[in-house]
Amino acid sequence: MRTAPAPPRRTDWDTPVRSSRVESGRLARARARQRRRRTAAICLLLGAALLVGVDLLRGAPEPATPTRHVASTPSAVDSPEPSAAPSPSPEPSPSPEPVYQLAGDIPASGPGTWAYAKTKGDVLGTAGSIKRFRVAAEKNVADEELAAFTDLIEQTLGDPRSWIAGRQYRLQRVPDGSSHNFTIYLATGETTRKMCATGGMDTRMNGVSYTSCRLPGRVVINLNRWRLSVPDYVKGKIDLTIYRTYVINHEVGHELGRNHEGCPGKGRPAPVMQQQTYGLKGCAANPWPYVDGKRYTGPPVA
């Protein structure tokens, strides 16, 4: 009987050869992995260096400053910057220079026709019957004078020192065409003379129309006095507005039934019904019928 050949016997020298081959493969693979890691690391380093270089060329932004919460009470170290010192207050505007009379030519006469204030004013005063009035200026001076004339009449008659203080009358300006009790006119000298002559009054002094007057329902203010005031006021350096206020209150006082009064004593205020246009007679200029809340009067003049 034929037998199969016996398998070859494994010898001791065969094992080291195979082990060395296995070890060699492992080492090769380990070295390959190290090479790949080094390559990746180098690539990363090169990429980072490239990015840094680009940022340097562009100018990298400064790092953001972290938000700082300031305590409600600032410390000596962390305190807000002091505010700038306030600028000095501007110097107050100087008061306007007083005006005693107006320069320039004054029309001696006019057409005797009128321009009227067109609007309705407020009721002036708190008690008493209402007396309504119109305001007019002669047409050749109206463009220049009517607005200021109207404004000062309103200011004068609405002042608590004026006739409304007596609580007998309230006053209200109305436009032309409205029912009214009287009219206040600003008239050239010659027109004033003609108007006042109808009531038997002569307004002339040294041949020139000088004074104002009152006729029933008509208060006539002479343009000469409106612009030039009177000698005692000018010499006393009393502002033109004070004279104008006086002449309005004086002539309206006549319309309200008041008569002339005299100076009550040297150095004392002149009563508003004194004929201050002819001189103060030792009194001090005063444009108001009420002084310190009381009706101020002087001795009656016949």
C-alpha atoms as a PDB file:
ATOM      1  CA  MET A   1       0.000   0.000   0.000  1.00  0.00           C
ATOM      2  CA  ARG A   2       1.258   3.313  -1.018  1.00  0.00           C
ATOM      3  CA  THR A   3       1.333   6.032   1.585  1.00  0.00           C
ATOM      4  CA  ALA A   4       1.138   9.879   1.126  1.00  0.00           C
ATOM      5  CA  PRO A   5       4.275  11.817   1.603  1.00  0.00           C
ATOM      6  CA  ALA A   6       4.618  13.394   4.983  1.00  0.00           C
ATOM      7  CA  PRO A   7       4.146  17.239   5.147  1.00  0.00           C
ATOM      8  CA  PRO A   8       7.263  19.214   5.456  1.00  0.00           C
ATOM      9  CA  ARG A   9       8.344  19.908   8.967  1.00  0.00           C
ATOM     10  CA  ARG A  10       8.379  23.524  10.158  1.00  0.00           C
ATOM     11  CA  THR A  11      11.826  24.384  11.173  1.00  0.00           C
ATOM     12  CA  ASP A  12      12.852  26.899  13.824  1.00  0.00           C
ATOM     13  CA  TRP A  13      14.658  29.160  11.339  1.00  0.00           C
ATOM     14  CA  ASP A  14      11.376  29.752   9.421  1.00  0.00           C
ATOM     15  CA  THR A  15       9.692  31.785  12.266  1.00  0.00           C
ATOM     16  CA  PRO A  16      12.192  34.660  12.504  1.00  0.00           C
ATOM     17  CA  VAL A  17      11.993  35.302   8.776  1.00  0.00           C
ATOM     18  CA  ARG A  18       8.241  35.720   8.828  1.00  0.00           C
ATOM     19  CA  SER A  19       8.369  37.852  11.976  1.00  0.00           C
ATOM     20  CA  SER A  20      10.927  40.137  10.433  1.00  0.00           C
ATOM     21  CA  ARG A  21       8.746  40.572   7.384  1.00  0.00           C
ATOM     22  CA  VAL A  22       5.768  41.504   9.522  1.00  0.00           C
ATOM     23  CA  GLU A  23       7.828  43.954  11.507  1.00  0.00           C
ATOM     24  CA  SER A  24       9.157  45.507   8.347  1.00  0.00           C
ATOM     25  CA  GLY A  25       5.626  46.071   7.051  1.00  0.00           C
ATOM     26  CA  ARG A  26       4.546  47.663  10.288  1.00  0.00           C
ATOM     27  CA  LEU A  27       7.534  49.988  10.312  1.00  0.00           C
ATOM     28  CA  ALA A  28       6.892  50.984   6.738  1.00  0.00           C
ATOM     29  CA  ARG A  29       3.292  51.782   7.468  1.00  0.00           C
ATOM     30  CA  ALA A  30       4.228  53.768  10.601  1.00  0.00           C
ATOM     31  CA  ARG A  31       6.789  55.771   8.690  1.00  0.00           C
ATOM     32  CA  ALA A  32       4.240  56.497   5.961  1.00  0.00           C
ATOM     33  CA  ARG A  33       1.784  57.767   8.538  1.00  0.00           C
ATOM     34  CA  GLN A  34       4.476  60.021  10.082  1.00  0.00           C
ATOM     35  CA  ARG A  35       5.346  61.370   6.640  1.00  0.00           C
ATOM     36  CA  ARG A  36       1.674  62.156   5.985  1.00  0.00           C
ATOM     37  CA  ARG A  37       1.338  63.893   9.376  1.00  0.00           C
ATOM     38  CA  ARG A  38       4.471  65.945   8.782  1.00  0.00           C
ATOM     39  CA  THR A  39       3.234  66.876   5.343  1.00  0.00           C
ATOM     40  CA  ALA A  40      -0.183  67.934   6.714  1.00  0.00           C
ATOM     41  CA  ALA A  41       1.472  69.930   9.517  1.00  0.00           C
ATOM     42  CA  ILE A  42       3.758  71.668   7.069  1.00  0.00           C
ATOM     43  CA  CYS A  43       0.782  72.489   4.825  1.00  0.00           C
ATOM     44  CA  LEU A  44      -1.113  73.930   7.796  1.00  0.00           C
ATOM     45  CA  LEU A  45       1.872  76.026   8.829  1.00  0.00           C
ATOM     46  CA  LEU A  46       2.354  77.277   5.289  1.00  0.00           C
ATOM     47  CA  GLY A  47      -1.348  78.151   5.019  1.00  0.00           C
ATOM     48  CA  ALA A  48      -1.305  80.009   8.329  1.00  0.00           C
ATOM     49  CA  ALA A  49       1.806  81.893   7.310  1.00  0.00           C
ATOM     50  CA  LEU A  50       0.170  82.830   4.023  1.00  0.00           C
ATOM     51  CA  LEU A  51      -2.942  84.159   5.812  1.00  0.00           C
ATOM     52  CA  VAL A  52      -0.842  86.183   8.249  1.00  0.00           C
ATOM     53  CA  GLY A  53       1.078  87.663   5.387  1.00  0.00           C
ATOM     54  CA  VAL A  54      -2.117  88.668   3.595  1.00  0.00           C
ATOM     55  CA  ASP A  55      -3.463  90.274   6.775  1.00  0.00           C
ATOM     56  CA  LEU A  56      -0.259  92.191   7.259  1.00  0.00           C
ATOM     57  CA  LEU A  57      -0.460  93.468   3.714  1.00  0.00           C
ATOM     58  CA  ARG A  58      -4.093  94.497   4.155  1.00  0.00           C
ATOM     59  CA  GLY A  59      -3.645  95.968   7.609  1.00  0.00           C
ATOM     60  CA  ALA A  60      -5.264  93.782  10.196  1.00  0.00           C
ATOM     61  CA  PRO A  61      -8.040  95.472  12.243  1.00  0.00           C
ATOM     62  CA  GLU A  62      -7.290  96.383  15.787  1.00  0.00           C
ATOM     63  CA  PRO A  63      -8.783  94.023  18.312  1.00  0.00           C
ATOM     64  CA  ALA A  64     -12.144  95.210  19.619  1.00  0.00           C
ATOM     65  CA  THR A  65     -12.051  97.005  22.920  1.00  0.00           C
ATOM     66  CA  PRO A  66     -14.169  95.131  25.434  1.00  0.00           C
ATOM     67  CA  THR A  67     -17.244  96.973  26.686  1.00  0.00           C
ATOM     68  CA  ARG A  68     -16.628  98.606  30.032  1.00  0.00           C
ATOM     69  CA  HIS A  69     -19.501  99.147  32.439  1.00  0.00           C
ATOM     70  CA  VAL A  70     -19.016 102.436  34.313  1.00  0.00           C
ATOM     71  CA  ALA A  71     -20.205 102.434  37.889  1.00  0.00           C
ATOM     72  CA  SER A  72     -22.915 104.919  38.836  1.00  0.00           C
ATOM     73  CA  THR A  73     -20.419 106.715  41.068  1.00  0.00           C
ATOM     74  CA  PRO A  74     -17.185 107.252  39.109  1.00  0.00           C
ATOM     75  CA  SER A  75     -13.956 106.348  40.870  1.00  0.00           C
ATOM     76  CA  ALA A  76     -10.766 108.353  40.822  1.00  0.00           C
ATOM     77  CA  VAL A  77      -9.312 105.984  38.201  1.00  0.00           C
ATOM     78  CA  ASP A  78     -12.341 105.330  36.031  1.00  0.00           C
ATOM     79  CA  SER A  79     -14.135 108.690  35.794  1.00  0.00           C
ATOM     80  CA  PRO A  80     -15.670 110.483  32.808  1.00  0.00           C
ATOM     81  CA  GLU A  81     -13.716 113.252  31.224  1.00  0.00           C
ATOM     82  CA  PRO A  82     -14.626 116.663  32.670  1.00  0.00           C
ATOM     83  CA  SER A  83     -17.016 118.644  30.510  1.00  0.00           C
ATOM     84  CA  ALA A  84     -15.744 121.726  28.786  1.00  0.00           C
ATOM     85  CA  ALA A  85     -16.059 124.944  30.736  1.00  0.00           C
ATOM     86  CA  PRO A  86     -19.249 126.824  29.780  1.00  0.00           C
ATOM     87  CA  SER A  87     -18.724 129.696  27.419  1.00  0.00           C
ATOM     88  CA  PRO A  88     -19.295 133.100  28.944  1.00  0.00           C
ATOM     89  CA  SER A  89     -22.773 134.547  28.588  1.00  0.00           C
ATOM     90  CA  PRO A  90     -23.080 137.096  25.804  1.00  0.00           C
ATOM     91  CA  GLU A  91     -23.155 140.685  26.805  1.00  0.00           C
ATOM     92  CA  PRO A  92     -26.718 142.030  27.075  1.00  0.00           C
ATOM     93  CA  SER A  93     -27.836 144.105  24.130  1.00  0.00           C
ATOM     94  CA  PRO A  94     -27.527 147.778  24.901  1.00  0.00           C
ATOM     95  CA  SER A  95     -30.781 149.638  25.429  1.00  0.00           C
ATOM     96  CA  PRO A  96     -31.834 151.683  22.417  1.00  0.00           C
ATOM     97  CA  GLU A  97     -30.841 155.301  22.526  1.00  0.00           C
ATOM     98  CA  PRO A  98     -33.703 157.530  23.679  1.00  0.00           C
ATOM     99  CA  VAL A  99     -35.398 159.586  21.007  1.00  0.00           C
ATOM    100  CA  TYR A 100     -36.635 163.052  21.954  1.00  0.00           C
ATOM    101  CA  GLN A 101     -37.900 164.158  18.565  1.00  0.00           C
ATOM    102  CA  LEU A 102     -37.716 162.912  15.010  1.00  0.00           C
ATOM    103  CA  ALA A 103     -35.560 164.512  12.367  1.00  0.00           C
ATOM    104  CA  GLY A 104     -36.701 165.136   8.822  1.00  0.00           C
ATOM    105  CA  ASP A 105     -39.306 167.160   7.002  1.00  0.00           C
ATOM    106  CA  ILE A 106     -42.867 167.108   8.288  1.00  0.00           C
ATOM    107  CA  PRO A 107     -45.722 167.619   5.829  1.00  0.00           C
ATOM    108  CA  ALA A 108     -47.430 170.883   6.806  1.00  0.00           C
ATOM    109  CA  SER A 109     -50.747 169.859   5.241  1.00  0.00           C
ATOM    110  CA  GLY A 110     -52.540 166.931   3.673  1.00  0.00           C
ATOM    111  CA  PRO A 111     -55.646 166.006   1.677  1.00  0.00           C
ATOM    112  CA  GLY A 112     -57.944 165.808   4.691  1.00  0.00           C
ATOM    113  CA  THR A 113     -58.844 162.206   3.831  1.00  0.00           C
ATOM    114  CA  TRP A 114     -58.097 159.180   5.961  1.00  0.00           C
ATOM    115  CA  ALA A 115     -56.760 155.650   6.083  1.00  0.00           C
ATOM    116  CA  TYR A 116     -58.181 153.550   8.930  1.00  0.00           C
ATOM    117  CA  ALA A 117     -56.766 150.673  10.952  1.00  0.00           C
ATOM    118  CA  LYS A 118     -58.528 147.658   9.494  1.00  0.00           C
ATOM    119  CA  THR A 119     -58.623 145.157  12.323  1.00  0.00           C
ATOM    120  CA  LYS A 120     -60.643 144.861  15.502  1.00  0.00           C
ATOM    121  CA  GLY A 121     -58.802 145.127  18.799  1.00  0.00           C
ATOM    122  CA  ASP A 122     -59.324 143.374  22.112  1.00  0.00           C
ATOM    123  CA  VAL A 123     -61.577 144.828  24.778  1.00  0.00           C
ATOM    124  CA  LEU A 124     -59.333 146.856  27.090  1.00  0.00           C
ATOM    125  CA  GLY A 125     -60.314 146.897  30.755  1.00  0.00           C
ATOM    126  CA  THR A 126     -62.322 144.684  33.077  1.00  0.00           C
ATOM    127  CA  ALA A 127     -65.397 146.702  34.047  1.00  0.00           C
ATOM    128  CA  GLY A 128     -67.656 149.519  32.882  1.00  0.00           C
ATOM    129  CA  SER A 129     -69.448 150.292  29.665  1.00  0.00           C
ATOM    130  CA  ILE A 130     -67.612 149.683  26.394  1.00  0.00           C
ATOM    131  CA  LYS A 131     -66.639 152.692  24.313  1.00  0.00           C
ATOM    132  CA  ARG A 132     -65.582 151.752  20.809  1.00  0.00           C
ATOM    133  CA  PHE A 133     -63.217 153.853  18.733  1.00  0.00           C
ATOM    134  CA  ARG A 134     -61.595 153.924  15.301  1.00  0.00           C
ATOM    135  CA  VAL A 135     -57.987 154.894  14.497  1.00  0.00           C
ATOM    136  CA  ALA A 136     -57.153 156.917  11.376  1.00  0.00           C
ATOM    137  CA  ALA A 137     -54.159 158.720   9.845  1.00  0.00           C
ATOM    138  CA  GLU A 138     -54.236 161.316   7.094  1.00  0.00           C
ATOM    139  CA  LYS A 139     -53.547 159.585   3.809  1.00  0.00           C
ATOM    140  CA  ASN A 140     -50.315 161.382   2.936  1.00  0.00           C
ATOM    141  CA  VAL A 141     -48.684 160.104   6.172  1.00  0.00           C
ATOM    142  CA  ALA A 142     -50.601 156.859   6.724  1.00  0.00           C
ATOM    143  CA  ASP A 143     -48.086 154.538   5.072  1.00  0.00           C
ATOM    144  CA  GLU A 144     -45.386 155.744   7.424  1.00  0.00           C
ATOM    145  CA  GLU A 145     -47.385 156.393  10.578  1.00  0.00           C
ATOM    146  CA  LEU A 146     -50.638 154.442  10.836  1.00  0.00           C
ATOM    147  CA  ALA A 147     -49.252 151.143  12.163  1.00  0.00           C
ATOM    148  CA  ALA A 148     -47.113 152.752  14.896  1.00  0.00           C
ATOM    149  CA  PHE A 149     -49.916 155.186  15.772  1.00  0.00           C
ATOM    150  CA  THR A 150     -52.389 152.316  16.183  1.00  0.00           C
ATOM    151  CA  ASP A 151     -49.984 150.206  18.230  1.00  0.00           C
ATOM    152  CA  LEU A 152     -49.196 152.975  20.698  1.00  0.00           C
ATOM    153  CA  ILE A 153     -52.874 153.834  21.163  1.00  0.00           C
ATOM    154  CA  GLU A 154     -53.588 150.183  22.019  1.00  0.00           C
ATOM    155  CA  GLN A 155     -50.642 150.020  24.423  1.00  0.00           C
ATOM    156  CA  THR A 156     -51.549 153.319  26.076  1.00  0.00           C
ATOM    157  CA  LEU A 157     -55.278 152.779  26.550  1.00  0.00           C
ATOM    158  CA  GLY A 158     -54.755 149.150  27.577  1.00  0.00           C
ATOM    159  CA  ASP A 159     -52.209 149.995  30.280  1.00  0.00           C
ATOM    160  CA  PRO A 160     -53.416 149.518  33.889  1.00  0.00           C
ATOM    161  CA  ARG A 161     -52.339 153.118  34.625  1.00  0.00           C
ATOM    162  CA  SER A 162     -54.605 154.474  31.899  1.00  0.00           C
ATOM    163  CA  TRP A 163     -58.329 155.309  31.994  1.00  0.00           C
ATOM    164  CA  ILE A 164     -59.425 151.669  32.276  1.00  0.00           C
ATOM    165  CA  ALA A 165     -58.011 151.615  35.831  1.00  0.00           C
ATOM    166  CA  GLY A 166     -61.089 153.533  37.040  1.00  0.00           C
ATOM    167  CA  ARG A 167     -63.323 150.601  35.973  1.00  0.00           C
ATOM    168  CA  GLN A 168     -65.853 153.065  34.570  1.00  0.00           C
ATOM    169  CA  TYR A 169     -65.048 152.301  30.958  1.00  0.00           C
ATOM    170  CA  ARG A 170     -63.780 149.540  28.769  1.00  0.00           C
ATOM    171  CA  LEU A 171     -62.350 150.512  25.404  1.00  0.00           C
ATOM    172  CA  GLN A 172     -62.181 148.664  22.108  1.00  0.00           C
ATOM    173  CA  ARG A 173     -60.780 149.572  18.695  1.00  0.00           C
ATOM    174  CA  VAL A 174     -63.009 148.752  15.730  1.00  0.00           C
ATOM    175  CA  PRO A 175     -62.463 149.056  11.964  1.00  0.00           C
ATOM    176  CA  ASP A 176     -64.030 151.684   9.750  1.00  0.00           C
ATOM    177  CA  GLY A 177     -67.673 150.952   9.012  1.00  0.00           C
ATOM    178  CA  SER A 178     -68.318 149.580  12.512  1.00  0.00           C
ATOM    179  CA  SER A 179     -70.460 151.281  15.123  1.00  0.00           C
ATOM    180  CA  HIS A 180     -68.211 153.520  17.240  1.00  0.00           C
ATOM    181  CA  ASN A 181     -68.256 156.290  19.857  1.00  0.00           C
ATOM    182  CA  PHE A 182     -65.250 158.314  18.707  1.00  0.00           C
ATOM    183  CA  THR A 183     -62.282 158.355  16.316  1.00  0.00           C
ATOM    184  CA  ILE A 184     -58.649 159.141  17.066  1.00  0.00           C
ATOM    185  CA  TYR A 185     -57.022 160.978  14.135  1.00  0.00           C
ATOM    186  CA  LEU A 186     -53.380 161.674  13.321  1.00  0.00           C
ATOM    187  CA  ALA A 187     -53.530 164.831  11.189  1.00  0.00           C
ATOM    188  CA  THR A 188     -51.043 167.201   9.613  1.00  0.00           C
ATOM    189  CA  GLY A 189     -50.776 170.637  11.234  1.00  0.00           C
ATOM    190  CA  GLU A 190     -52.983 172.455   8.737  1.00  0.00           C
ATOM    191  CA  THR A 191     -55.669 169.764   8.790  1.00  0.00           C
ATOM    192  CA  THR A 192     -55.584 169.841  12.594  1.00  0.00           C
ATOM    193  CA  ARG A 193     -56.058 173.608  12.544  1.00  0.00           C
ATOM    194  CA  LYS A 194     -59.045 173.358  10.244  1.00  0.00           C
ATOM    195  CA  MET A 195     -60.705 170.556  12.194  1.00  0.00           C
ATOM    196  CA  CYS A 196     -60.223 172.210  15.590  1.00  0.00           C
ATOM    197  CA  ALA A 197     -61.396 175.585  14.284  1.00  0.00           C
ATOM    198  CA  THR A 198     -64.847 174.071  13.725  1.00  0.00           C
ATOM    199  CA  GLY A 199     -65.060 173.776  17.512  1.00  0.00           C
ATOM    200  CA  GLY A 200     -63.831 177.323  18.120  1.00  0.00           C
ATOM    201  CA  MET A 201     -60.250 176.332  19.028  1.00  0.00           C
ATOM    202  CA  ASP A 202     -57.114 177.864  17.569  1.00  0.00           C
ATOM    203  CA  THR A 203     -54.193 175.435  17.551  1.00  0.00           C
ATOM    204  CA  ARG A 204     -51.607 177.922  16.266  1.00  0.00           C
ATOM    205  CA  MET A 205     -48.514 179.239  18.010  1.00  0.00           C
ATOM    206  CA  ASN A 206     -46.372 181.801  16.214  1.00  0.00           C
ATOM    207  CA  GLY A 207     -48.439 181.224  13.115  1.00  0.00           C
ATOM    208  CA  VAL A 208     -47.865 177.447  13.003  1.00  0.00           C
ATOM    209  CA  SER A 209     -50.411 174.816  14.015  1.00  0.00           C
ATOM    210  CA  TYR A 210     -49.025 173.609  17.314  1.00  0.00           C
ATOM    211  CA  THR A 211     -51.468 171.851  19.629  1.00  0.00           C
ATOM    212  CA  SER A 212     -53.837 168.900  19.381  1.00  0.00           C
ATOM    213  CA  CYS A 213     -57.514 169.098  20.312  1.00  0.00           C
ATOM    214  CA  ARG A 214     -60.702 167.199  20.989  1.00  0.00           C
ATOM    215  CA  LEU A 215     -64.079 167.731  19.360  1.00  0.00           C
ATOM    216  CA  PRO A 216     -67.201 165.716  20.211  1.00  0.00           C
ATOM    217  CA  GLY A 217     -66.481 162.232  18.879  1.00  0.00           C
ATOM    218  CA  ARG A 218     -63.110 163.313  17.423  1.00  0.00           C
ATOM    219  CA  VAL A 219     -59.720 163.195  19.109  1.00  0.00           C
ATOM    220  CA  VAL A 220     -57.223 165.019  16.860  1.00  0.00           C
ATOM    221  CA  ILE A 221     -53.470 164.486  17.384  1.00  0.00           C
ATOM    222  CA  ASN A 222     -51.282 167.060  15.638  1.00  0.00           C
ATOM    223  CA  LEU A 223     -48.519 165.440  13.521  1.00  0.00           C
ATOM    224  CA  ASN A 224     -46.152 168.276  14.501  1.00  0.00           C
ATOM    225  CA  ARG A 225     -46.341 167.284  18.159  1.00  0.00           C
ATOM    226  CA  TRP A 226     -46.306 163.553  17.345  1.00  0.00           C
ATOM    227  CA  ARG A 227     -42.937 163.953  15.687  1.00  0.00           C
ATOM    228  CA  LEU A 228     -41.342 166.819  17.584  1.00  0.00           C
ATOM    229  CA  SER A 229     -42.702 166.595  21.159  1.00  0.00           C
ATOM    230  CA  VAL A 230     -42.503 169.906  23.128  1.00  0.00           C
ATOM    231  CA  PRO A 231     -39.627 172.010  24.511  1.00  0.00           C
ATOM    232  CA  ASP A 232     -39.900 171.010  28.190  1.00  0.00           C
ATOM    233  CA  TYR A 233     -39.824 167.317  27.283  1.00  0.00           C
ATOM    234  CA  VAL A 234     -36.925 167.694  24.857  1.00  0.00           C
ATOM    235  CA  LYS A 235     -34.859 169.865  27.249  1.00  0.00           C
ATOM    236  CA  GLY A 236     -35.611 167.428  30.072  1.00  0.00           C
ATOM    237  CA  LYS A 237     -34.439 164.516  27.881  1.00  0.00           C
ATOM    238  CA  ILE A 238     -37.814 162.803  28.174  1.00  0.00           C
ATOM    239  CA  ASP A 239     -38.366 160.189  25.512  1.00  0.00           C
ATOM    240  CA  LEU A 240     -40.727 161.011  22.652  1.00  0.00           C
ATOM    241  CA  THR A 241     -42.820 157.920  23.435  1.00  0.00           C
ATOM    242  CA  ILE A 242     -43.666 159.364  26.862  1.00  0.00           C
ATOM    243  CA  TYR A 243     -44.947 162.560  25.294  1.00  0.00           C
ATOM    244  CA  ARG A 244     -46.984 160.582  22.772  1.00  0.00           C
ATOM    245  CA  THR A 245     -48.488 158.516  25.599  1.00  0.00           C
ATOM    246  CA  TYR A 246     -49.345 161.703  27.445  1.00  0.00           C
ATOM    247  CA  VAL A 247     -51.089 163.372  24.493  1.00  0.00           C
ATOM    248  CA  ILE A 248     -53.191 160.259  23.780  1.00  0.00           C
ATOM    249  CA  ASN A 249     -54.326 160.005  27.412  1.00  0.00           C
ATOM    250  CA  HIS A 250     -54.926 163.773  27.645  1.00  0.00           C
ATOM    251  CA  GLU A 251     -57.147 164.075  24.579  1.00  0.00           C
ATOM    252  CA  VAL A 252     -58.994 160.793  25.226  1.00  0.00           C
ATOM    253  CA  GLY A 253     -59.520 162.075  28.779  1.00  0.00           C
ATOM    254  CA  HIS A 254     -61.427 165.021  27.306  1.00  0.00           C
ATOM    255  CA  GLU A 255     -63.564 162.574  25.289  1.00  0.00           C
ATOM    256  CA  LEU A 256     -64.324 160.747  28.561  1.00  0.00           C
ATOM    257  CA  GLY A 257     -65.448 164.010  30.190  1.00  0.00           C
ATOM    258  CA  ARG A 258     -62.283 165.183  31.971  1.00  0.00           C
ATOM    259  CA  ASN A 259     -61.322 168.871  32.124  1.00  0.00           C
ATOM    260  CA  HIS A 260     -58.010 170.665  32.452  1.00  0.00           C
ATOM    261  CA  GLU A 261     -56.085 170.571  35.746  1.00  0.00           C
ATOM    262  CA  GLY A 262     -53.064 172.485  37.020  1.00  0.00           C
ATOM    263  CA  CYS A 263     -49.691 171.510  38.495  1.00  0.00           C
ATOM    264  CA  PRO A 264     -50.244 170.570  42.177  1.00  0.00           C
ATOM    265  CA  GLY A 265     -46.758 171.661  43.299  1.00  0.00           C
ATOM    266  CA  LYS A 266     -43.176 172.070  42.147  1.00  0.00           C
ATOM    267  CA  GLY A 267     -41.423 168.760  41.623  1.00  0.00           C
ATOM    268  CA  ARG A 268     -44.610 166.729  41.805  1.00  0.00           C
ATOM    269  CA  PRO A 269     -45.882 164.684  38.838  1.00  0.00           C
ATOM    270  CA  ALA A 270     -47.941 166.688  36.387  1.00  0.00           C
ATOM    271  CA  PRO A 271     -51.572 165.497  36.177  1.00  0.00           C
ATOM    272  CA  VAL A 272     -52.359 163.967  32.802  1.00  0.00           C
ATOM    273  CA  MET A 273     -55.086 166.635  32.330  1.00  0.00           C
ATOM    274  CA  GLN A 274     -52.546 169.416  32.801  1.00  0.00           C
ATOM    275  CA  GLN A 275     -51.729 171.128  29.503  1.00  0.00           C
ATOM    276  CA  GLN A 276     -48.188 169.781  29.490  1.00  0.00           C
ATOM    277  CA  THR A 277     -47.827 170.729  25.826  1.00  0.00           C
ATOM    278  CA  TYR A 278     -47.631 174.388  26.955  1.00  0.00           C
ATOM    279  CA  GLY A 279     -45.065 173.608  29.668  1.00  0.00           C
ATOM    280  CA  LEU A 280     -44.659 171.541  32.831  1.00  0.00           C
ATOM    281  CA  LYS A 281     -44.881 174.608  35.136  1.00  0.00           C
ATOM    282  CA  GLY A 282     -42.475 173.086  37.653  1.00  0.00           C
ATOM    283  CA  CYS A 283     -44.050 169.630  37.666  1.00  0.00           C
ATOM    284  CA  ALA A 284     -42.406 166.449  36.423  1.00  0.00           C
ATOM    285  CA  ALA A 285     -43.625 164.865  33.211  1.00  0.00           C
ATOM    286  CA  ASN A 286     -46.308 162.242  33.741  1.00  0.00           C
ATOM    287  CA  PRO A 287     -48.336 160.489  31.014  1.00  0.00           C
ATOM    288  CA  TRP A 288     -50.769 158.526  33.244  1.00  0.00           C
ATOM    289  CA  PRO A 289     -54.116 159.371  34.869  1.00  0.00           C
ATOM    290  CA  TYR A 290     -53.530 156.740  37.586  1.00  0.00           C
ATOM    291  CA  VAL A 291     -50.370 156.759  39.709  1.00  0.00           C
ATOM    292  CA  ASP A 292     -49.708 153.990  42.260  1.00  0.00           C
ATOM    293  CA  GLY A 293     -53.174 152.620  41.570  1.00  0.00           C
ATOM    294  CA  LYS A 294     -54.987 155.871  42.426  1.00  0.00           C
ATOM    295  CA  ARG A 295     -56.461 158.599  40.257  1.00  0.00           C
ATOM    296  CA  TYR A 296     -53.935 161.413  40.252  1.00  0.00           C
ATOM    297  CA  THR A 297     -55.317 164.948  39.829  1.00  0.00           C
ATOM    298  CA  GLY A 298     -54.375 168.578  40.204  1.00  0.00           C
ATOM    299  CA  PRO A 299     -56.369 171.729  40.929  1.00  0.00           C
ATOM    300  CA  PRO A 300     -59.072 172.441  38.347  1.00  0.00           C
ATOM    301  CA  VAL A 301     -58.366 175.063  35.699  1.00  0.00           C
ATOM    302  CA  ALA A 302     -61.204 177.244  34.436  1.00  0.00           C
END
